[in-house]
Amino acid sequence: MLENIKAVIFDLDGTLVHTKPDYRYKIINKVLNSFQTSASNELIDAFWFGTDREKIINEIFRIEPELFWKEFAKIDTPMLRKESTQTYEDVTALEELKNKGFKLGLVTGAPLNILEMEAGMVGKHLFDSIICANPRTGAEPKPHPEGIHKCLKELRIGSENSVYVGNAEEDINAAINAGMPGILIERGEHEVVNVQPAIRIKSLHELAKVL
C-alpha cells in the first residue's frame, strides 16, 4: 500500500482507452505506403508500444521522423480513430477516486487532436490537469518527466504525494524519472518486462485499495 498519495496521474492510450489492434496495423502501413515501404504486425507493435519510435522510424523504416509524423498526422484523424476506440469498462474507477478526494491528472504523448477526442470519451471534467507530452506541442515525450512535472505544477502537489498509472515501459520510466511510484496496469496487449513498477494491477478499481 502506498501512503500519503494525493494525486493520481494517468496515461491515456492503453490505460484508459483501447484502440483495436487492426487500427494501428492499418494506419501505420498506410503511412509507410506513402513512402513506398511497409512493416509486419510485430514491428508495428514494437513501434506502438516501445520507447524507441524515432529510432525505428530512422533506422528500420528509413524515413525522416519529421516527414513520418507529418504524414501520420494527416492519416490518423480523430474521426477515424474514434471508430476503433472505446473506453475500458473500469474507467468508472476515476469517478470513485475523485469522490475520495484525489486530484486526477492526465499525461499522454497522443497528438493534441487525438487527446481531445479520447479525453472527451473518458470525461475531461474528471481531470484537474491535462498535459500533452508531445514534441509537436513543444514538450518532451515520455519517458522524459517534463509532462508529469508540468502536471504536478498545475495540480500543486509534489511527486512524493503522487503516482503515475500507465500500461507501458515508457510510463513506468517516466514515473521513476519524475521521482514518483509507477503503477503498471496490465491490459494483456503486450508484455512489460524491462522495468520494475511499484505495483502491478489488472483493473483500475484496484487503485482505491492500494492508495
N, C-alpha and C. Protein backbone atom coordinates (compact mmCIF):
# COMPACT_ATOMS: atom_id res chain seq x y z
N MET A 1 0.84 -1.20 0.00
CA MET A 1 0.00 0.00 0.00
C MET A 1 0.88 1.25 0.00
N LEU A 2 0.53 2.22 -0.86
CA LEU A 2 1.26 3.47 -0.94
C LEU A 2 0.60 4.49 -0.02
N GLU A 3 1.41 5.26 0.69
CA GLU A 3 0.87 6.18 1.69
C GLU A 3 1.00 7.64 1.25
N ASN A 4 0.13 8.46 1.81
CA ASN A 4 0.15 9.91 1.60
C ASN A 4 0.02 10.33 0.14
N ILE A 5 -0.72 9.54 -0.64
CA ILE A 5 -0.94 9.88 -2.04
C ILE A 5 -2.14 10.82 -2.16
N LYS A 6 -1.91 11.94 -2.85
CA LYS A 6 -2.97 12.94 -3.01
C LYS A 6 -3.38 13.13 -4.47
N ALA A 7 -2.52 12.66 -5.40
CA ALA A 7 -2.81 12.83 -6.83
C ALA A 7 -2.51 11.55 -7.58
N VAL A 8 -3.38 11.22 -8.53
CA VAL A 8 -3.20 10.06 -9.40
C VAL A 8 -3.18 10.59 -10.83
N ILE A 9 -2.06 10.37 -11.52
CA ILE A 9 -1.90 10.84 -12.89
C ILE A 9 -1.93 9.63 -13.83
N PHE A 10 -2.64 9.76 -14.91
CA PHE A 10 -2.85 8.64 -15.82
C PHE A 10 -2.26 8.88 -17.20
N ASP A 11 -1.81 7.78 -17.80
CA ASP A 11 -1.56 7.71 -19.24
C ASP A 11 -2.95 7.58 -19.88
N LEU A 12 -3.03 7.69 -21.21
CA LEU A 12 -4.33 7.62 -21.87
C LEU A 12 -4.51 6.35 -22.71
N ASP A 13 -3.78 6.25 -23.82
CA ASP A 13 -3.94 5.11 -24.73
C ASP A 13 -3.44 3.82 -24.08
N GLY A 14 -4.28 2.81 -24.07
CA GLY A 14 -3.90 1.52 -23.49
C GLY A 14 -4.09 1.47 -21.98
N THR A 15 -4.38 2.62 -21.38
CA THR A 15 -4.62 2.70 -19.94
C THR A 15 -6.07 3.03 -19.65
N LEU A 16 -6.58 4.06 -20.30
CA LEU A 16 -7.99 4.46 -20.12
C LEU A 16 -8.84 4.14 -21.34
N VAL A 17 -8.22 4.14 -22.51
CA VAL A 17 -8.95 3.81 -23.75
C VAL A 17 -8.22 2.73 -24.52
N HIS A 18 -8.99 1.92 -25.23
CA HIS A 18 -8.45 0.82 -26.02
C HIS A 18 -8.75 1.06 -27.50
N THR A 19 -7.71 1.00 -28.32
CA THR A 19 -7.88 1.09 -29.77
C THR A 19 -7.60 -0.30 -30.36
N LYS A 20 -8.49 -0.77 -31.20
CA LYS A 20 -8.34 -2.11 -31.77
C LYS A 20 -7.01 -2.25 -32.48
N PRO A 21 -6.33 -3.41 -32.31
CA PRO A 21 -5.03 -3.62 -32.95
C PRO A 21 -5.04 -3.42 -34.46
N ASP A 22 -6.11 -3.82 -35.13
CA ASP A 22 -6.18 -3.67 -36.58
C ASP A 22 -6.01 -2.22 -37.00
N TYR A 23 -6.41 -1.30 -36.13
CA TYR A 23 -6.30 0.11 -36.48
C TYR A 23 -4.84 0.52 -36.64
N ARG A 24 -4.00 0.14 -35.66
CA ARG A 24 -2.60 0.55 -35.75
C ARG A 24 -1.91 -0.11 -36.94
N TYR A 25 -2.25 -1.38 -37.23
CA TYR A 25 -1.64 -2.05 -38.37
C TYR A 25 -2.01 -1.35 -39.68
N LYS A 26 -3.28 -0.98 -39.78
CA LYS A 26 -3.77 -0.33 -40.99
C LYS A 26 -3.17 1.07 -41.15
N ILE A 27 -3.21 1.86 -40.07
CA ILE A 27 -2.76 3.24 -40.13
C ILE A 27 -1.26 3.34 -40.40
N ILE A 28 -0.46 2.57 -39.64
CA ILE A 28 1.00 2.65 -39.82
C ILE A 28 1.39 2.22 -41.22
N ASN A 29 0.79 1.16 -41.72
CA ASN A 29 1.14 0.72 -43.07
C ASN A 29 0.66 1.70 -44.14
N LYS A 30 -0.44 2.39 -43.85
CA LYS A 30 -0.90 3.42 -44.78
C LYS A 30 0.12 4.55 -44.85
N VAL A 31 0.66 4.93 -43.70
CA VAL A 31 1.71 5.96 -43.66
C VAL A 31 2.94 5.46 -44.41
N LEU A 32 3.35 4.22 -44.10
CA LEU A 32 4.55 3.67 -44.73
C LEU A 32 4.39 3.52 -46.24
N ASN A 33 3.18 3.18 -46.67
CA ASN A 33 2.93 3.05 -48.11
C ASN A 33 3.17 4.36 -48.84
N SER A 34 2.97 5.47 -48.13
CA SER A 34 3.24 6.79 -48.72
C SER A 34 4.72 6.97 -49.04
N PHE A 35 5.55 6.17 -48.35
CA PHE A 35 6.99 6.23 -48.58
C PHE A 35 7.50 4.95 -49.27
N GLN A 36 6.58 4.24 -49.90
CA GLN A 36 6.89 3.01 -50.66
C GLN A 36 7.55 1.93 -49.80
N THR A 37 7.03 1.76 -48.58
CA THR A 37 7.51 0.68 -47.73
C THR A 37 6.36 0.16 -46.89
N SER A 38 6.62 -0.87 -46.08
CA SER A 38 5.59 -1.46 -45.22
C SER A 38 6.28 -2.12 -44.03
N ALA A 39 5.47 -2.65 -43.09
CA ALA A 39 6.04 -3.29 -41.90
C ALA A 39 5.14 -4.42 -41.44
N SER A 40 5.74 -5.39 -40.75
CA SER A 40 4.98 -6.52 -40.20
C SER A 40 4.21 -6.06 -38.97
N ASN A 41 3.22 -6.84 -38.58
CA ASN A 41 2.46 -6.53 -37.37
C ASN A 41 3.36 -6.51 -36.14
N GLU A 42 4.34 -7.41 -36.10
CA GLU A 42 5.26 -7.49 -34.95
C GLU A 42 6.08 -6.20 -34.83
N LEU A 43 6.54 -5.69 -35.97
CA LEU A 43 7.33 -4.46 -35.94
C LEU A 43 6.46 -3.27 -35.57
N ILE A 44 5.24 -3.26 -36.05
CA ILE A 44 4.31 -2.17 -35.71
C ILE A 44 3.99 -2.19 -34.22
N ASP A 45 3.85 -3.38 -33.63
CA ASP A 45 3.63 -3.49 -32.18
C ASP A 45 4.82 -2.92 -31.41
N ALA A 46 6.03 -3.26 -31.87
CA ALA A 46 7.25 -2.76 -31.22
C ALA A 46 7.31 -1.24 -31.31
N PHE A 47 6.88 -0.70 -32.44
CA PHE A 47 6.84 0.74 -32.64
C PHE A 47 5.78 1.39 -31.74
N TRP A 48 4.60 0.79 -31.70
CA TRP A 48 3.44 1.37 -31.00
C TRP A 48 3.64 1.38 -29.48
N PHE A 49 4.19 0.27 -28.95
CA PHE A 49 4.30 0.12 -27.51
C PHE A 49 5.69 0.44 -26.96
N GLY A 50 6.69 0.53 -27.83
CA GLY A 50 8.06 0.68 -27.38
C GLY A 50 8.47 2.11 -27.05
N THR A 51 9.75 2.25 -26.71
CA THR A 51 10.28 3.57 -26.33
C THR A 51 11.23 4.13 -27.38
N ASP A 52 11.47 3.37 -28.46
CA ASP A 52 12.45 3.80 -29.47
C ASP A 52 11.79 4.12 -30.81
N ARG A 53 10.68 4.86 -30.77
CA ARG A 53 9.94 5.13 -32.00
C ARG A 53 10.76 5.89 -33.03
N GLU A 54 11.47 6.93 -32.57
CA GLU A 54 12.26 7.73 -33.51
C GLU A 54 13.36 6.87 -34.15
N LYS A 55 13.94 5.99 -33.34
CA LYS A 55 15.00 5.11 -33.85
C LYS A 55 14.44 4.14 -34.88
N ILE A 56 13.24 3.60 -34.63
CA ILE A 56 12.61 2.68 -35.59
C ILE A 56 12.30 3.40 -36.89
N ILE A 57 11.77 4.63 -36.78
CA ILE A 57 11.46 5.41 -37.98
C ILE A 57 12.72 5.65 -38.80
N ASN A 58 13.79 6.04 -38.11
CA ASN A 58 15.06 6.36 -38.76
C ASN A 58 15.75 5.15 -39.35
N GLU A 59 15.96 4.14 -38.50
CA GLU A 59 16.85 3.04 -38.86
C GLU A 59 16.17 1.86 -39.53
N ILE A 60 14.89 1.65 -39.24
CA ILE A 60 14.20 0.49 -39.82
C ILE A 60 13.25 0.92 -40.94
N PHE A 61 12.41 1.92 -40.66
CA PHE A 61 11.53 2.43 -41.72
C PHE A 61 12.33 3.24 -42.74
N ARG A 62 13.48 3.78 -42.29
CA ARG A 62 14.36 4.61 -43.13
C ARG A 62 13.63 5.84 -43.69
N ILE A 63 12.97 6.53 -42.77
CA ILE A 63 12.22 7.74 -43.11
C ILE A 63 12.64 8.83 -42.12
N GLU A 64 12.69 10.06 -42.59
CA GLU A 64 12.94 11.18 -41.67
C GLU A 64 11.76 11.28 -40.70
N PRO A 65 12.01 11.24 -39.39
CA PRO A 65 10.91 11.29 -38.42
C PRO A 65 9.93 12.44 -38.63
N GLU A 66 10.45 13.61 -38.97
CA GLU A 66 9.57 14.76 -39.17
C GLU A 66 8.58 14.52 -40.32
N LEU A 67 9.07 13.88 -41.39
CA LEU A 67 8.20 13.58 -42.54
C LEU A 67 7.19 12.49 -42.17
N PHE A 68 7.66 11.50 -41.40
CA PHE A 68 6.78 10.41 -40.97
C PHE A 68 5.62 10.96 -40.15
N TRP A 69 5.94 11.77 -39.14
CA TRP A 69 4.91 12.28 -38.23
C TRP A 69 3.95 13.24 -38.93
N LYS A 70 4.46 13.95 -39.92
CA LYS A 70 3.60 14.84 -40.69
C LYS A 70 2.56 14.04 -41.47
N GLU A 71 3.00 12.94 -42.06
CA GLU A 71 2.09 12.07 -42.81
C GLU A 71 1.15 11.34 -41.87
N PHE A 72 1.67 10.90 -40.72
CA PHE A 72 0.87 10.21 -39.71
C PHE A 72 -0.28 11.10 -39.24
N ALA A 73 0.03 12.38 -39.00
CA ALA A 73 -0.99 13.32 -38.52
C ALA A 73 -2.10 13.51 -39.55
N LYS A 74 -1.76 13.41 -40.83
CA LYS A 74 -2.78 13.56 -41.89
C LYS A 74 -3.72 12.36 -41.93
N ILE A 75 -3.17 11.18 -41.65
CA ILE A 75 -3.94 9.93 -41.80
C ILE A 75 -4.67 9.54 -40.51
N ASP A 76 -4.02 9.75 -39.37
CA ASP A 76 -4.60 9.36 -38.07
C ASP A 76 -5.51 10.48 -37.55
N THR A 77 -6.71 10.57 -38.10
CA THR A 77 -7.63 11.64 -37.71
C THR A 77 -8.49 11.20 -36.52
N PRO A 78 -8.96 12.15 -35.71
CA PRO A 78 -9.82 11.80 -34.58
C PRO A 78 -11.08 11.03 -35.01
N MET A 79 -11.67 11.43 -36.12
CA MET A 79 -12.89 10.78 -36.59
C MET A 79 -12.63 9.32 -36.92
N LEU A 80 -11.50 9.07 -37.60
CA LEU A 80 -11.17 7.70 -38.00
C LEU A 80 -10.82 6.85 -36.78
N ARG A 81 -10.03 7.42 -35.86
CA ARG A 81 -9.61 6.65 -34.69
C ARG A 81 -10.78 6.34 -33.77
N LYS A 82 -11.71 7.29 -33.67
CA LYS A 82 -12.84 7.09 -32.76
C LYS A 82 -13.66 5.86 -33.11
N GLU A 83 -13.71 5.54 -34.41
CA GLU A 83 -14.46 4.36 -34.86
C GLU A 83 -13.89 3.06 -34.31
N SER A 84 -12.59 3.07 -33.96
CA SER A 84 -11.93 1.85 -33.47
C SER A 84 -11.53 1.94 -32.00
N THR A 85 -12.02 2.96 -31.30
CA THR A 85 -11.60 3.20 -29.92
C THR A 85 -12.77 3.19 -28.96
N GLN A 86 -12.55 2.63 -27.78
CA GLN A 86 -13.56 2.65 -26.73
C GLN A 86 -12.87 2.76 -25.38
N THR A 87 -13.59 3.25 -24.39
CA THR A 87 -13.02 3.33 -23.05
C THR A 87 -13.06 1.93 -22.41
N TYR A 88 -12.10 1.67 -21.54
CA TYR A 88 -12.14 0.43 -20.76
C TYR A 88 -13.28 0.55 -19.75
N GLU A 89 -13.89 -0.58 -19.44
CA GLU A 89 -15.03 -0.59 -18.52
C GLU A 89 -14.67 -0.05 -17.14
N ASP A 90 -13.40 -0.24 -16.73
CA ASP A 90 -13.03 0.17 -15.37
C ASP A 90 -12.68 1.65 -15.23
N VAL A 91 -12.90 2.47 -16.27
CA VAL A 91 -12.64 3.91 -16.11
C VAL A 91 -13.61 4.55 -15.11
N THR A 92 -14.65 3.84 -14.75
CA THR A 92 -15.56 4.33 -13.71
C THR A 92 -14.82 4.50 -12.37
N ALA A 93 -13.65 3.85 -12.27
CA ALA A 93 -12.84 3.99 -11.05
C ALA A 93 -12.35 5.42 -10.86
N LEU A 94 -12.24 6.18 -11.94
CA LEU A 94 -11.77 7.57 -11.83
C LEU A 94 -12.75 8.42 -11.03
N GLU A 95 -14.01 8.18 -11.27
CA GLU A 95 -15.04 8.92 -10.53
C GLU A 95 -14.97 8.55 -9.05
N GLU A 96 -14.71 7.28 -8.75
CA GLU A 96 -14.59 6.82 -7.37
C GLU A 96 -13.42 7.53 -6.68
N LEU A 97 -12.28 7.62 -7.39
CA LEU A 97 -11.09 8.27 -6.83
C LEU A 97 -11.36 9.76 -6.60
N LYS A 98 -12.03 10.37 -7.56
CA LYS A 98 -12.37 11.79 -7.46
C LYS A 98 -13.24 12.03 -6.23
N ASN A 99 -14.21 11.16 -6.02
CA ASN A 99 -15.12 11.29 -4.88
C ASN A 99 -14.40 11.08 -3.54
N LYS A 100 -13.27 10.35 -3.59
CA LYS A 100 -12.49 10.12 -2.38
C LYS A 100 -11.55 11.29 -2.07
N GLY A 101 -11.51 12.28 -3.00
CA GLY A 101 -10.71 13.46 -2.75
C GLY A 101 -9.37 13.52 -3.47
N PHE A 102 -9.06 12.52 -4.29
CA PHE A 102 -7.81 12.54 -5.04
C PHE A 102 -7.89 13.56 -6.18
N LYS A 103 -6.78 14.27 -6.43
CA LYS A 103 -6.64 15.07 -7.64
C LYS A 103 -6.27 14.13 -8.78
N LEU A 104 -6.84 14.36 -9.95
CA LEU A 104 -6.56 13.49 -11.09
C LEU A 104 -5.89 14.27 -12.21
N GLY A 105 -4.87 13.67 -12.80
CA GLY A 105 -4.17 14.28 -13.92
C GLY A 105 -4.08 13.32 -15.09
N LEU A 106 -3.80 13.87 -16.26
CA LEU A 106 -3.65 13.08 -17.48
C LEU A 106 -2.41 13.58 -18.21
N VAL A 107 -1.47 12.66 -18.46
CA VAL A 107 -0.26 13.00 -19.22
C VAL A 107 -0.10 11.96 -20.32
N THR A 108 -0.18 12.41 -21.56
CA THR A 108 -0.14 11.49 -22.69
C THR A 108 0.71 12.04 -23.82
N GLY A 109 1.26 11.13 -24.60
CA GLY A 109 2.02 11.53 -25.78
C GLY A 109 1.16 11.62 -27.02
N ALA A 110 -0.14 11.37 -26.89
CA ALA A 110 -1.04 11.43 -28.04
C ALA A 110 -1.06 12.83 -28.65
N PRO A 111 -1.17 12.93 -29.97
CA PRO A 111 -1.32 14.25 -30.59
C PRO A 111 -2.52 14.98 -30.00
N LEU A 112 -2.46 16.30 -30.00
CA LEU A 112 -3.47 17.11 -29.33
C LEU A 112 -4.90 16.82 -29.79
N ASN A 113 -5.09 16.64 -31.10
CA ASN A 113 -6.46 16.39 -31.60
C ASN A 113 -6.98 15.03 -31.17
N ILE A 114 -6.09 14.03 -31.09
CA ILE A 114 -6.47 12.70 -30.61
C ILE A 114 -6.72 12.75 -29.10
N LEU A 115 -5.87 13.48 -28.40
CA LEU A 115 -6.05 13.66 -26.95
C LEU A 115 -7.41 14.26 -26.63
N GLU A 116 -7.79 15.29 -27.34
CA GLU A 116 -9.08 15.94 -27.11
C GLU A 116 -10.24 14.95 -27.28
N MET A 117 -10.17 14.16 -28.34
CA MET A 117 -11.23 13.20 -28.63
C MET A 117 -11.29 12.11 -27.56
N GLU A 118 -10.13 11.51 -27.24
CA GLU A 118 -10.12 10.39 -26.30
C GLU A 118 -10.41 10.83 -24.87
N ALA A 119 -9.88 11.98 -24.47
CA ALA A 119 -10.17 12.50 -23.12
C ALA A 119 -11.65 12.82 -23.00
N GLY A 120 -12.25 13.25 -24.10
CA GLY A 120 -13.69 13.50 -24.11
C GLY A 120 -14.49 12.24 -23.90
N MET A 121 -13.99 11.12 -24.45
CA MET A 121 -14.66 9.83 -24.26
C MET A 121 -14.62 9.40 -22.80
N VAL A 122 -13.48 9.65 -22.15
CA VAL A 122 -13.32 9.28 -20.73
C VAL A 122 -14.12 10.23 -19.84
N GLY A 123 -14.06 11.53 -20.17
CA GLY A 123 -14.71 12.57 -19.36
C GLY A 123 -13.68 13.60 -18.92
N LYS A 124 -13.51 14.66 -19.71
CA LYS A 124 -12.50 15.67 -19.41
C LYS A 124 -12.74 16.33 -18.05
N HIS A 125 -14.00 16.36 -17.62
CA HIS A 125 -14.35 17.01 -16.35
C HIS A 125 -13.72 16.31 -15.15
N LEU A 126 -13.28 15.06 -15.35
CA LEU A 126 -12.70 14.31 -14.24
C LEU A 126 -11.28 14.77 -13.90
N PHE A 127 -10.62 15.43 -14.85
CA PHE A 127 -9.20 15.74 -14.68
C PHE A 127 -8.98 17.18 -14.25
N ASP A 128 -8.07 17.32 -13.27
CA ASP A 128 -7.70 18.64 -12.79
C ASP A 128 -6.56 19.23 -13.61
N SER A 129 -5.90 18.38 -14.39
CA SER A 129 -4.82 18.83 -15.28
C SER A 129 -4.71 17.84 -16.43
N ILE A 130 -4.56 18.36 -17.65
CA ILE A 130 -4.36 17.52 -18.83
C ILE A 130 -3.15 18.06 -19.58
N ILE A 131 -2.14 17.22 -19.76
CA ILE A 131 -0.89 17.62 -20.40
C ILE A 131 -0.61 16.75 -21.63
N CYS A 132 -0.30 17.41 -22.73
CA CYS A 132 0.09 16.72 -23.96
C CYS A 132 1.61 16.72 -24.03
N ALA A 133 2.24 15.60 -23.69
CA ALA A 133 3.70 15.47 -23.69
C ALA A 133 4.14 14.98 -25.06
N ASN A 134 4.18 15.90 -26.00
CA ASN A 134 4.39 15.56 -27.40
C ASN A 134 5.31 16.62 -28.02
N PRO A 135 6.36 16.19 -28.74
CA PRO A 135 7.28 17.16 -29.35
C PRO A 135 6.58 18.19 -30.23
N ARG A 136 5.46 17.79 -30.81
CA ARG A 136 4.76 18.71 -31.72
C ARG A 136 3.97 19.78 -30.95
N THR A 137 3.96 19.66 -29.61
CA THR A 137 3.37 20.73 -28.79
C THR A 137 4.44 21.37 -27.91
N GLY A 138 5.69 21.07 -28.23
CA GLY A 138 6.80 21.69 -27.51
C GLY A 138 7.17 21.04 -26.20
N ALA A 139 6.73 19.80 -25.98
CA ALA A 139 7.04 19.09 -24.73
C ALA A 139 7.79 17.81 -25.03
N GLU A 140 8.71 17.46 -24.16
CA GLU A 140 9.48 16.23 -24.31
C GLU A 140 8.56 15.02 -24.09
N PRO A 141 8.66 13.99 -24.93
CA PRO A 141 7.81 12.80 -24.75
C PRO A 141 8.32 11.92 -23.62
N LYS A 142 7.42 11.09 -23.09
CA LYS A 142 7.84 10.08 -22.11
C LYS A 142 8.87 9.16 -22.78
N PRO A 143 9.87 8.65 -22.04
CA PRO A 143 9.98 8.64 -20.57
C PRO A 143 10.56 9.90 -19.93
N HIS A 144 10.77 10.95 -20.71
CA HIS A 144 11.19 12.22 -20.09
C HIS A 144 10.09 12.67 -19.12
N PRO A 145 10.46 13.19 -17.96
CA PRO A 145 9.45 13.53 -16.94
C PRO A 145 8.80 14.91 -17.13
N GLU A 146 9.13 15.63 -18.19
CA GLU A 146 8.63 17.02 -18.33
C GLU A 146 7.11 17.10 -18.24
N GLY A 147 6.41 16.21 -18.93
CA GLY A 147 4.95 16.24 -18.92
C GLY A 147 4.38 16.03 -17.53
N ILE A 148 4.96 15.08 -16.80
CA ILE A 148 4.50 14.80 -15.43
C ILE A 148 4.80 16.00 -14.52
N HIS A 149 5.98 16.59 -14.69
CA HIS A 149 6.32 17.75 -13.88
C HIS A 149 5.36 18.92 -14.13
N LYS A 150 4.99 19.13 -15.40
CA LYS A 150 4.02 20.19 -15.73
C LYS A 150 2.67 19.91 -15.06
N CYS A 151 2.28 18.66 -15.08
CA CYS A 151 1.02 18.25 -14.47
C CYS A 151 1.05 18.50 -12.95
N LEU A 152 2.14 18.10 -12.32
CA LEU A 152 2.28 18.31 -10.87
C LEU A 152 2.21 19.79 -10.51
N LYS A 153 2.81 20.62 -11.36
CA LYS A 153 2.78 22.06 -11.11
C LYS A 153 1.35 22.59 -11.16
N GLU A 154 0.58 22.11 -12.14
CA GLU A 154 -0.82 22.54 -12.24
C GLU A 154 -1.66 22.01 -11.08
N LEU A 155 -1.33 20.80 -10.63
CA LEU A 155 -2.07 20.20 -9.51
C LEU A 155 -1.65 20.78 -8.16
N ARG A 156 -0.45 21.39 -8.15
CA ARG A 156 0.13 21.94 -6.91
C ARG A 156 0.33 20.86 -5.87
N ILE A 157 0.84 19.73 -6.35
CA ILE A 157 1.13 18.59 -5.47
C ILE A 157 2.52 18.06 -5.84
N GLY A 158 3.29 17.67 -4.84
CA GLY A 158 4.64 17.17 -5.08
C GLY A 158 4.67 15.73 -5.56
N SER A 159 5.79 15.35 -6.15
CA SER A 159 5.94 13.99 -6.68
C SER A 159 5.87 12.94 -5.57
N GLU A 160 6.26 13.33 -4.35
CA GLU A 160 6.23 12.38 -3.23
C GLU A 160 4.80 12.04 -2.80
N ASN A 161 3.85 12.84 -3.26
CA ASN A 161 2.44 12.59 -2.92
C ASN A 161 1.61 12.19 -4.14
N SER A 162 2.30 11.68 -5.17
CA SER A 162 1.62 11.36 -6.43
C SER A 162 2.07 10.01 -6.98
N VAL A 163 1.23 9.45 -7.85
CA VAL A 163 1.58 8.23 -8.59
C VAL A 163 1.21 8.43 -10.05
N TYR A 164 1.89 7.67 -10.91
CA TYR A 164 1.57 7.69 -12.34
C TYR A 164 1.15 6.28 -12.75
N VAL A 165 0.02 6.19 -13.46
CA VAL A 165 -0.53 4.89 -13.87
C VAL A 165 -0.45 4.78 -15.38
N GLY A 166 0.19 3.70 -15.86
CA GLY A 166 0.29 3.50 -17.30
C GLY A 166 0.43 2.03 -17.66
N ASN A 167 0.44 1.76 -18.95
CA ASN A 167 0.46 0.38 -19.42
C ASN A 167 1.74 -0.01 -20.12
N ALA A 168 2.72 0.90 -20.17
CA ALA A 168 3.91 0.63 -20.98
C ALA A 168 5.20 0.96 -20.23
N GLU A 169 6.28 0.46 -20.77
CA GLU A 169 7.60 0.69 -20.19
C GLU A 169 7.91 2.18 -20.06
N GLU A 170 7.56 2.95 -21.09
CA GLU A 170 7.85 4.39 -21.06
C GLU A 170 7.08 5.09 -19.94
N ASP A 171 5.93 4.56 -19.57
CA ASP A 171 5.14 5.16 -18.49
C ASP A 171 5.82 4.98 -17.13
N ILE A 172 6.28 3.76 -16.89
CA ILE A 172 6.93 3.47 -15.61
C ILE A 172 8.26 4.23 -15.51
N ASN A 173 9.00 4.28 -16.61
CA ASN A 173 10.26 5.03 -16.61
C ASN A 173 10.02 6.53 -16.42
N ALA A 174 8.93 7.04 -17.01
CA ALA A 174 8.60 8.46 -16.82
C ALA A 174 8.29 8.75 -15.36
N ALA A 175 7.55 7.83 -14.72
CA ALA A 175 7.23 7.99 -13.30
C ALA A 175 8.50 7.99 -12.46
N ILE A 176 9.38 7.03 -12.71
CA ILE A 176 10.64 6.94 -11.97
C ILE A 176 11.47 8.20 -12.18
N ASN A 177 11.54 8.67 -13.43
CA ASN A 177 12.31 9.88 -13.75
C ASN A 177 11.72 11.12 -13.08
N ALA A 178 10.41 11.08 -12.82
CA ALA A 178 9.74 12.21 -12.16
C ALA A 178 9.80 12.08 -10.64
N GLY A 179 10.36 10.98 -10.14
CA GLY A 179 10.51 10.81 -8.70
C GLY A 179 9.27 10.33 -7.98
N MET A 180 8.47 9.51 -8.68
CA MET A 180 7.25 9.01 -8.05
C MET A 180 7.06 7.53 -8.38
N PRO A 181 6.21 6.82 -7.62
CA PRO A 181 5.93 5.42 -7.94
C PRO A 181 5.18 5.30 -9.27
N GLY A 182 5.53 4.29 -10.04
CA GLY A 182 4.82 3.99 -11.26
C GLY A 182 3.97 2.75 -11.07
N ILE A 183 2.70 2.85 -11.39
CA ILE A 183 1.79 1.71 -11.27
C ILE A 183 1.49 1.20 -12.68
N LEU A 184 1.80 -0.07 -12.91
CA LEU A 184 1.59 -0.68 -14.22
C LEU A 184 0.24 -1.37 -14.27
N ILE A 185 -0.62 -0.96 -15.20
CA ILE A 185 -1.86 -1.68 -15.41
C ILE A 185 -1.66 -2.65 -16.56
N GLU A 186 -1.88 -3.92 -16.30
CA GLU A 186 -1.63 -4.97 -17.28
C GLU A 186 -2.92 -5.25 -18.05
N ARG A 187 -2.96 -4.78 -19.29
CA ARG A 187 -4.14 -4.92 -20.13
C ARG A 187 -4.08 -6.16 -21.02
N GLY A 188 -2.94 -6.85 -21.00
CA GLY A 188 -2.82 -8.09 -21.77
C GLY A 188 -2.52 -7.89 -23.25
N GLU A 189 -2.22 -6.66 -23.65
CA GLU A 189 -1.92 -6.40 -25.06
C GLU A 189 -0.46 -6.67 -25.40
N HIS A 190 0.42 -6.44 -24.42
CA HIS A 190 1.85 -6.64 -24.66
C HIS A 190 2.53 -6.82 -23.31
N GLU A 191 3.71 -7.45 -23.34
CA GLU A 191 4.45 -7.72 -22.11
C GLU A 191 5.33 -6.54 -21.75
N VAL A 192 5.38 -6.22 -20.48
CA VAL A 192 6.29 -5.20 -19.97
C VAL A 192 7.23 -5.90 -18.99
N VAL A 193 8.48 -6.09 -19.41
CA VAL A 193 9.40 -6.90 -18.60
C VAL A 193 10.68 -6.17 -18.20
N ASN A 194 10.95 -5.03 -18.82
CA ASN A 194 12.24 -4.37 -18.60
C ASN A 194 12.21 -3.29 -17.52
N VAL A 195 11.10 -3.17 -16.81
CA VAL A 195 11.01 -2.17 -15.74
C VAL A 195 10.40 -2.81 -14.49
N GLN A 196 10.61 -2.13 -13.37
CA GLN A 196 10.07 -2.61 -12.10
C GLN A 196 9.07 -1.59 -11.55
N PRO A 197 7.80 -1.74 -11.86
CA PRO A 197 6.82 -0.80 -11.30
C PRO A 197 6.68 -1.00 -9.80
N ALA A 198 6.19 0.01 -9.12
CA ALA A 198 5.95 -0.10 -7.67
C ALA A 198 4.87 -1.13 -7.41
N ILE A 199 3.86 -1.14 -8.28
CA ILE A 199 2.72 -2.06 -8.14
C ILE A 199 2.24 -2.43 -9.53
N ARG A 200 1.76 -3.66 -9.67
CA ARG A 200 1.10 -4.11 -10.90
C ARG A 200 -0.37 -4.35 -10.58
N ILE A 201 -1.25 -3.87 -11.43
CA ILE A 201 -2.69 -4.09 -11.23
C ILE A 201 -3.31 -4.60 -12.52
N LYS A 202 -4.46 -5.23 -12.40
CA LYS A 202 -5.20 -5.74 -13.56
C LYS A 202 -6.41 -4.87 -13.89
N SER A 203 -6.83 -4.08 -12.91
CA SER A 203 -8.02 -3.24 -13.08
C SER A 203 -7.81 -1.92 -12.35
N LEU A 204 -8.35 -0.85 -12.91
CA LEU A 204 -8.26 0.46 -12.26
C LEU A 204 -9.00 0.49 -10.93
N HIS A 205 -9.95 -0.42 -10.74
CA HIS A 205 -10.68 -0.49 -9.47
C HIS A 205 -9.76 -0.89 -8.31
N GLU A 206 -8.60 -1.48 -8.62
CA GLU A 206 -7.65 -1.87 -7.58
C GLU A 206 -6.95 -0.65 -6.97
N LEU A 207 -6.98 0.48 -7.67
CA LEU A 207 -6.27 1.67 -7.19
C LEU A 207 -6.77 2.11 -5.81
N ALA A 208 -8.07 2.08 -5.62
CA ALA A 208 -8.64 2.52 -4.34
C ALA A 208 -8.13 1.67 -3.18
N LYS A 209 -7.71 0.43 -3.48
CA LYS A 209 -7.24 -0.47 -2.42
C LYS A 209 -5.77 -0.26 -2.10
N VAL A 210 -5.00 0.25 -3.07
CA VAL A 210 -3.55 0.36 -2.86
C VAL A 210 -3.10 1.78 -2.54
N LEU A 211 -4.01 2.75 -2.64
CA LEU A 211 -3.64 4.15 -2.37
C LEU A 211 -4.15 4.59 -0.99
